[in-house]
N, C-alpha and C. Protein backbone atom coordinates (compact mmCIF):
# COMPACT_ATOMS: atom_id res chain seq x y z
N MET A 1 0.82 -1.21 -0.02
CA MET A 1 -0.05 -0.01 0.01
C MET A 1 0.85 1.22 0.00
N ASN A 2 0.61 2.23 -0.85
CA ASN A 2 1.36 3.49 -0.88
C ASN A 2 0.62 4.60 -0.21
N TYR A 3 1.36 5.53 0.41
CA TYR A 3 0.82 6.54 1.15
C TYR A 3 1.54 7.87 0.63
N GLY A 4 0.81 9.09 0.78
CA GLY A 4 1.42 10.38 0.52
C GLY A 4 2.12 10.77 1.82
N LYS A 5 2.74 12.00 1.71
CA LYS A 5 3.41 12.61 2.73
C LYS A 5 2.52 13.31 3.81
N ILE A 6 2.90 13.29 4.99
CA ILE A 6 2.20 13.94 6.07
C ILE A 6 3.07 15.01 6.70
N LEU A 7 2.61 16.28 6.69
CA LEU A 7 3.38 17.35 7.33
C LEU A 7 2.80 17.57 8.74
N VAL A 8 3.68 17.36 9.73
CA VAL A 8 3.32 17.64 11.10
C VAL A 8 3.99 18.89 11.54
N ILE A 9 3.16 19.80 12.07
CA ILE A 9 3.57 21.18 12.47
C ILE A 9 3.33 21.19 14.02
N ASP A 10 4.42 21.20 14.65
CA ASP A 10 4.34 21.13 16.14
C ASP A 10 5.69 21.52 16.72
N ASP A 11 5.78 22.36 17.74
CA ASP A 11 6.96 22.78 18.42
C ASP A 11 7.34 21.99 19.63
N ASP A 12 6.55 21.06 20.05
CA ASP A 12 6.78 20.23 21.19
C ASP A 12 7.65 18.97 20.87
N ALA A 13 8.87 18.90 21.15
CA ALA A 13 9.74 17.72 20.81
C ALA A 13 9.16 16.42 21.41
N GLU A 14 8.67 16.40 22.63
CA GLU A 14 8.07 15.25 23.20
C GLU A 14 6.96 14.69 22.37
N ASP A 15 6.05 15.60 21.99
CA ASP A 15 4.91 15.16 21.28
C ASP A 15 5.36 14.53 19.84
N LEU A 16 6.45 15.17 19.28
CA LEU A 16 6.85 14.66 18.02
C LEU A 16 7.41 13.26 18.15
N VAL A 17 8.12 12.98 19.26
CA VAL A 17 8.79 11.72 19.46
C VAL A 17 7.66 10.71 19.61
N ILE A 18 6.66 10.98 20.32
CA ILE A 18 5.49 10.03 20.54
C ILE A 18 4.88 9.68 19.22
N ILE A 19 4.50 10.67 18.37
CA ILE A 19 3.87 10.28 17.11
C ILE A 19 4.87 9.63 16.15
N ARG A 20 6.11 10.03 16.22
CA ARG A 20 7.10 9.44 15.33
C ARG A 20 7.24 7.96 15.69
N GLU A 21 7.32 7.67 17.00
CA GLU A 21 7.51 6.18 17.48
C GLU A 21 6.21 5.50 16.98
N ALA A 22 5.10 5.99 17.13
CA ALA A 22 3.93 5.29 16.71
C ALA A 22 3.94 5.03 15.19
N MET A 23 4.29 6.00 14.46
CA MET A 23 4.50 5.77 13.05
C MET A 23 5.51 4.72 12.68
N GLU A 24 6.65 4.79 13.45
CA GLU A 24 7.72 3.70 13.24
C GLU A 24 7.08 2.32 13.45
N MET A 25 6.33 2.19 14.52
CA MET A 25 5.74 0.84 14.83
C MET A 25 4.81 0.46 13.72
N MET A 26 4.34 1.35 12.90
CA MET A 26 3.48 1.00 11.77
C MET A 26 4.22 1.07 10.47
N HIS A 27 5.63 1.14 10.57
CA HIS A 27 6.51 1.21 9.37
C HIS A 27 6.13 2.28 8.43
N ALA A 28 5.87 3.40 8.94
CA ALA A 28 5.46 4.69 8.14
C ALA A 28 6.21 5.93 8.51
N GLU A 29 7.26 5.78 9.22
CA GLU A 29 7.97 7.04 9.75
C GLU A 29 8.57 7.82 8.49
N ASN A 30 8.78 7.14 7.37
CA ASN A 30 9.39 7.84 6.21
C ASN A 30 8.28 8.84 5.55
N LEU A 31 7.14 8.64 6.01
CA LEU A 31 6.06 9.63 5.37
C LEU A 31 5.89 10.93 6.03
N MET A 32 6.65 11.14 7.05
CA MET A 32 6.41 12.32 7.85
C MET A 32 7.53 13.41 7.55
N LEU A 33 7.03 14.65 7.48
CA LEU A 33 7.80 15.83 7.36
C LEU A 33 7.48 16.66 8.59
N PHE A 34 8.51 17.52 9.11
CA PHE A 34 8.16 18.19 10.28
C PHE A 34 8.53 19.63 10.15
N ALA A 35 7.69 20.55 10.78
CA ALA A 35 7.99 21.94 10.96
C ALA A 35 7.69 22.38 12.27
N GLU A 36 8.49 23.26 12.86
CA GLU A 36 8.29 23.62 14.31
C GLU A 36 7.32 24.75 14.55
N ASN A 37 6.85 25.32 13.54
CA ASN A 37 5.81 26.45 13.67
C ASN A 37 5.14 26.63 12.37
N GLY A 38 4.12 27.58 12.34
CA GLY A 38 3.38 27.82 11.20
C GLY A 38 4.26 28.56 10.09
N GLU A 39 5.02 29.44 10.50
CA GLU A 39 5.94 30.15 9.64
C GLU A 39 6.89 29.26 8.88
N SER A 40 7.54 28.33 9.59
CA SER A 40 8.39 27.44 8.82
C SER A 40 7.68 26.39 7.96
N ALA A 41 6.56 26.12 8.45
CA ALA A 41 5.69 25.15 7.63
C ALA A 41 5.29 25.71 6.31
N LEU A 42 4.85 27.03 6.37
CA LEU A 42 4.46 27.70 5.13
C LEU A 42 5.62 27.90 4.17
N GLN A 43 6.85 28.09 4.73
CA GLN A 43 8.05 28.29 3.83
C GLN A 43 8.34 26.88 3.23
N LEU A 44 8.26 25.78 4.01
CA LEU A 44 8.43 24.43 3.57
C LEU A 44 7.49 24.08 2.39
N LEU A 45 6.13 24.49 2.63
CA LEU A 45 5.17 24.15 1.63
C LEU A 45 5.48 24.97 0.36
N ASP A 46 5.84 26.19 0.54
CA ASP A 46 6.06 27.12 -0.62
C ASP A 46 7.22 26.67 -1.35
N THR A 47 8.44 26.20 -0.81
CA THR A 47 9.52 25.81 -1.52
C THR A 47 9.45 24.38 -2.00
N ARG A 48 9.00 23.50 -1.25
CA ARG A 48 9.04 22.12 -1.60
C ARG A 48 7.85 21.59 -2.44
N PHE A 49 6.72 22.13 -2.14
CA PHE A 49 5.55 21.61 -2.70
C PHE A 49 4.87 22.54 -3.81
N SER A 50 5.13 23.82 -3.84
CA SER A 50 4.39 24.62 -4.83
C SER A 50 4.76 24.32 -6.09
N ALA A 51 5.97 23.97 -6.39
CA ALA A 51 6.44 23.84 -7.86
C ALA A 51 6.05 22.26 -8.26
N GLU A 52 5.95 21.46 -7.33
CA GLU A 52 5.73 20.02 -7.69
C GLU A 52 4.38 19.48 -7.88
N HIS A 53 3.46 20.24 -7.34
CA HIS A 53 1.96 19.81 -7.37
C HIS A 53 1.88 18.50 -6.69
N ASN A 54 2.72 18.14 -5.81
CA ASN A 54 2.60 16.95 -5.07
C ASN A 54 2.62 17.28 -3.57
N VAL A 55 1.52 17.95 -3.30
CA VAL A 55 1.33 18.53 -1.91
C VAL A 55 1.09 17.33 -0.93
N PRO A 56 1.45 17.62 0.40
CA PRO A 56 1.03 16.54 1.37
C PRO A 56 -0.33 16.11 1.33
N CYS A 57 -0.63 14.89 1.75
CA CYS A 57 -1.91 14.36 1.76
C CYS A 57 -2.62 14.84 3.02
N LEU A 58 -1.84 15.28 3.98
CA LEU A 58 -2.49 15.65 5.23
C LEU A 58 -1.49 16.53 5.98
N ILE A 59 -2.12 17.56 6.70
CA ILE A 59 -1.33 18.42 7.58
C ILE A 59 -1.81 18.25 8.92
N VAL A 60 -0.93 17.92 9.90
CA VAL A 60 -1.21 17.72 11.26
C VAL A 60 -0.76 19.01 11.96
N LEU A 61 -1.64 19.70 12.66
CA LEU A 61 -1.32 21.09 13.14
C LEU A 61 -1.57 21.17 14.62
N ASP A 62 -0.55 21.54 15.40
CA ASP A 62 -0.69 21.96 16.80
C ASP A 62 -1.24 23.41 16.78
N LEU A 63 -1.91 23.74 17.95
CA LEU A 63 -2.38 25.13 18.03
C LEU A 63 -1.41 26.09 18.79
N ASN A 64 -0.77 25.63 19.75
CA ASN A 64 0.00 26.59 20.63
C ASN A 64 1.44 26.42 20.20
N MET A 65 1.91 27.39 19.29
CA MET A 65 3.27 27.39 18.82
C MET A 65 3.71 28.82 18.75
N PRO A 66 4.95 29.13 18.80
CA PRO A 66 5.54 30.45 18.68
C PRO A 66 5.49 30.96 17.25
N LYS A 67 5.80 32.19 17.10
CA LYS A 67 5.83 32.85 15.77
C LYS A 67 4.49 32.89 15.03
N MET A 68 3.84 31.75 14.76
CA MET A 68 2.66 31.73 13.99
C MET A 68 1.87 30.59 14.56
N ASN A 69 0.85 30.85 15.36
CA ASN A 69 0.14 29.74 16.00
C ASN A 69 -0.72 28.83 14.99
N GLY A 70 -1.30 27.81 15.47
CA GLY A 70 -2.08 26.90 14.68
C GLY A 70 -3.32 27.57 14.00
N THR A 71 -4.05 28.43 14.67
CA THR A 71 -5.17 29.07 14.19
C THR A 71 -4.76 30.05 12.95
N GLN A 72 -3.68 30.80 13.15
CA GLN A 72 -3.20 31.66 12.10
C GLN A 72 -2.68 30.81 10.96
N THR A 73 -2.01 29.74 11.20
CA THR A 73 -1.55 28.82 10.10
C THR A 73 -2.66 28.28 9.29
N LEU A 74 -3.77 27.76 10.11
CA LEU A 74 -4.86 27.17 9.44
C LEU A 74 -5.54 28.17 8.46
N GLU A 75 -5.81 29.43 8.95
CA GLU A 75 -6.36 30.48 8.15
C GLU A 75 -5.55 30.80 6.89
N THR A 76 -4.25 30.88 7.03
CA THR A 76 -3.36 31.08 5.95
C THR A 76 -3.50 30.00 4.92
N LEU A 77 -3.49 28.69 5.37
CA LEU A 77 -3.48 27.55 4.51
C LEU A 77 -4.80 27.48 3.73
N LYS A 78 -5.92 27.80 4.29
CA LYS A 78 -7.23 27.74 3.73
C LYS A 78 -7.53 28.91 2.84
N ALA A 79 -6.70 29.96 2.90
CA ALA A 79 -6.72 31.11 2.07
C ALA A 79 -5.93 31.01 0.74
N ASP A 80 -5.03 29.93 0.77
CA ASP A 80 -4.07 29.81 -0.41
C ASP A 80 -4.69 28.71 -1.30
N ASP A 81 -4.93 29.03 -2.58
CA ASP A 81 -5.42 28.07 -3.56
C ASP A 81 -4.61 26.81 -3.56
N ARG A 82 -3.35 26.91 -3.49
CA ARG A 82 -2.45 25.76 -3.65
C ARG A 82 -2.75 24.74 -2.45
N PHE A 83 -3.11 25.19 -1.31
CA PHE A 83 -3.07 24.30 -0.17
C PHE A 83 -4.47 24.19 0.46
N ARG A 84 -5.42 24.83 0.04
CA ARG A 84 -6.73 24.83 0.69
C ARG A 84 -7.42 23.59 0.75
N ASN A 85 -7.14 22.72 -0.22
CA ASN A 85 -7.84 21.36 -0.19
C ASN A 85 -7.07 20.29 0.48
N ILE A 86 -6.01 20.56 1.08
CA ILE A 86 -5.22 19.59 1.91
C ILE A 86 -6.06 19.47 3.18
N PRO A 87 -6.43 18.22 3.55
CA PRO A 87 -7.00 18.05 4.88
C PRO A 87 -6.07 18.43 6.00
N VAL A 88 -6.64 19.14 6.94
CA VAL A 88 -5.86 19.60 8.23
C VAL A 88 -6.52 18.98 9.41
N ILE A 89 -5.71 18.28 10.18
CA ILE A 89 -6.13 17.74 11.47
C ILE A 89 -5.52 18.54 12.54
N ILE A 90 -6.27 19.20 13.41
CA ILE A 90 -5.76 19.82 14.54
C ILE A 90 -5.34 18.77 15.52
N TYR A 91 -4.20 19.01 16.12
CA TYR A 91 -3.59 17.92 17.01
C TYR A 91 -3.18 18.71 18.25
N SER A 92 -3.95 18.71 19.21
CA SER A 92 -3.71 19.62 20.38
C SER A 92 -4.02 18.98 21.69
N THR A 93 -3.48 19.60 22.75
CA THR A 93 -3.77 19.17 24.11
C THR A 93 -4.89 19.74 24.64
N SER A 94 -5.47 20.80 24.05
CA SER A 94 -6.66 21.55 24.41
C SER A 94 -7.93 20.72 24.17
N ILE A 95 -8.76 20.76 25.14
CA ILE A 95 -10.10 20.06 25.01
C ILE A 95 -11.27 21.18 25.00
N ASN A 96 -10.83 22.44 24.81
CA ASN A 96 -11.78 23.61 24.71
C ASN A 96 -12.80 23.45 23.64
N PRO A 97 -14.11 23.14 23.88
CA PRO A 97 -15.02 23.05 22.78
C PRO A 97 -15.19 24.29 21.85
N PHE A 98 -14.94 25.53 22.38
CA PHE A 98 -14.99 26.64 21.60
C PHE A 98 -13.83 26.79 20.63
N GLU A 99 -12.67 26.35 21.05
CA GLU A 99 -11.49 26.27 20.25
C GLU A 99 -11.66 25.24 19.02
N LYS A 100 -12.20 24.12 19.43
CA LYS A 100 -12.57 23.05 18.53
C LYS A 100 -13.48 23.64 17.38
N ALA A 101 -14.57 24.25 17.90
CA ALA A 101 -15.57 24.69 16.99
C ALA A 101 -14.98 25.84 15.97
N LYS A 102 -14.08 26.64 16.53
CA LYS A 102 -13.44 27.68 15.69
C LYS A 102 -12.69 27.03 14.62
N CYS A 103 -11.75 26.17 15.06
CA CYS A 103 -10.90 25.46 14.03
C CYS A 103 -11.72 24.73 12.92
N VAL A 104 -12.89 24.05 13.34
CA VAL A 104 -13.75 23.38 12.33
C VAL A 104 -14.35 24.43 11.39
N SER A 105 -14.77 25.56 11.93
CA SER A 105 -15.32 26.62 11.09
C SER A 105 -14.37 27.30 10.16
N LEU A 106 -13.08 27.18 10.55
CA LEU A 106 -12.03 27.71 9.69
C LEU A 106 -11.47 26.71 8.57
N GLY A 107 -12.09 25.56 8.65
CA GLY A 107 -11.68 24.55 7.67
C GLY A 107 -10.96 23.34 8.11
N ALA A 108 -10.74 23.13 9.44
CA ALA A 108 -10.03 21.91 9.84
C ALA A 108 -10.96 20.79 9.58
N HIS A 109 -10.40 19.62 9.12
CA HIS A 109 -11.09 18.44 8.84
C HIS A 109 -11.47 17.70 10.11
N ALA A 110 -10.64 17.81 11.16
CA ALA A 110 -10.87 17.14 12.37
C ALA A 110 -10.01 17.70 13.45
N TYR A 111 -10.44 17.39 14.73
CA TYR A 111 -9.70 17.95 15.94
C TYR A 111 -9.44 16.75 16.84
N ILE A 112 -8.18 16.38 16.94
CA ILE A 112 -7.79 15.30 17.75
C ILE A 112 -7.04 15.69 18.94
N THR A 113 -7.38 15.23 20.17
CA THR A 113 -6.62 15.54 21.39
C THR A 113 -5.43 14.64 21.34
N LYS A 114 -4.27 15.17 21.74
CA LYS A 114 -3.00 14.48 21.64
C LYS A 114 -3.09 13.28 22.58
N PRO A 115 -2.64 12.10 22.11
CA PRO A 115 -2.75 10.82 22.96
C PRO A 115 -2.01 10.84 24.20
N VAL A 116 -2.44 10.09 25.13
CA VAL A 116 -1.68 9.88 26.37
C VAL A 116 -1.17 8.49 26.58
N SER A 117 -1.61 7.58 25.88
CA SER A 117 -1.11 6.18 25.95
C SER A 117 -0.56 5.68 24.69
N LEU A 118 0.21 4.60 24.61
CA LEU A 118 0.66 3.99 23.38
C LEU A 118 -0.54 3.46 22.50
N LYS A 119 -1.48 2.97 23.16
CA LYS A 119 -2.70 2.50 22.35
C LYS A 119 -3.30 3.67 21.56
N GLU A 120 -3.46 4.76 22.29
CA GLU A 120 -4.04 6.03 21.63
C GLU A 120 -3.11 6.55 20.57
N SER A 121 -1.80 6.47 20.74
CA SER A 121 -0.82 6.89 19.85
C SER A 121 -0.88 6.22 18.53
N LEU A 122 -1.10 4.78 18.71
CA LEU A 122 -1.24 3.96 17.49
C LEU A 122 -2.49 4.28 16.74
N GLU A 123 -3.48 4.41 17.51
CA GLU A 123 -4.92 4.75 16.86
C GLU A 123 -4.80 6.03 16.09
N THR A 124 -4.17 7.05 16.72
CA THR A 124 -4.05 8.41 16.10
C THR A 124 -3.14 8.25 14.82
N ALA A 125 -2.06 7.54 14.89
CA ALA A 125 -1.24 7.30 13.69
C ALA A 125 -2.08 6.64 12.60
N GLN A 126 -2.86 5.68 12.91
CA GLN A 126 -3.69 4.98 11.89
C GLN A 126 -4.70 6.00 11.32
N VAL A 127 -5.25 6.93 12.01
CA VAL A 127 -6.08 7.93 11.55
C VAL A 127 -5.45 8.82 10.46
N PHE A 128 -4.16 9.18 10.81
CA PHE A 128 -3.39 9.95 9.84
C PHE A 128 -3.10 9.12 8.62
N LEU A 129 -2.73 7.86 8.77
CA LEU A 129 -2.50 7.11 7.47
C LEU A 129 -3.72 6.85 6.74
N ASN A 130 -4.88 6.74 7.36
CA ASN A 130 -6.17 6.59 6.57
C ASN A 130 -6.37 7.79 5.66
N PHE A 131 -5.92 8.91 5.98
CA PHE A 131 -6.12 10.13 5.17
C PHE A 131 -5.16 9.97 3.94
N CYS A 132 -4.19 9.24 3.94
CA CYS A 132 -3.08 9.29 3.00
C CYS A 132 -2.98 8.07 2.06
N GLN A 133 -3.87 7.18 2.19
CA GLN A 133 -3.77 6.01 1.33
C GLN A 133 -3.80 6.40 -0.20
N VAL A 134 -2.88 5.94 -0.97
CA VAL A 134 -2.94 6.34 -2.38
C VAL A 134 -3.28 5.10 -3.23
N ASP A 135 -2.80 3.93 -2.99
CA ASP A 135 -3.09 2.63 -3.61
C ASP A 135 -1.76 1.99 -3.92
C-alpha cells in the first residue's frame, strides 16, 4: 500500500517523539515531514511543494506554537489556492469546545486531542495514515 506525505507542524519535541514512534511501529515513519511552527511550515510548503504539485496528503497542526500559532496557520493555508484542499487535522492538548468549533469553522477536517497512551498513539497514527492511502 502506498501513502502520501504527512506534514506535522508542532513545536513540542516530546509530542513529536511520541507520534514518530507510533508511525515507526506502523513502518510509516518515512512519510512524515516536520516543521516547528506555522511560519516554517508555510516556507516548507512554498519551496518544496508549490512547484511539484505533489502536496502533502495531510497536515497535522498543533495550536500553541511560537511565531505563528495553529489558528493563524490554518487560516493562511485555507486562504491559499495551492493548499486549501489539503485536509488539516488539529492535534492539540486543548479540549476547549470553543477552540474546536473555531478550528472546524476555519476549515479543519478534524480535531484530535493528543494521545496519552501507546494505544491511543497507534490509533491516532492510523487515523493519519487513513487520510493518505494512495493505492
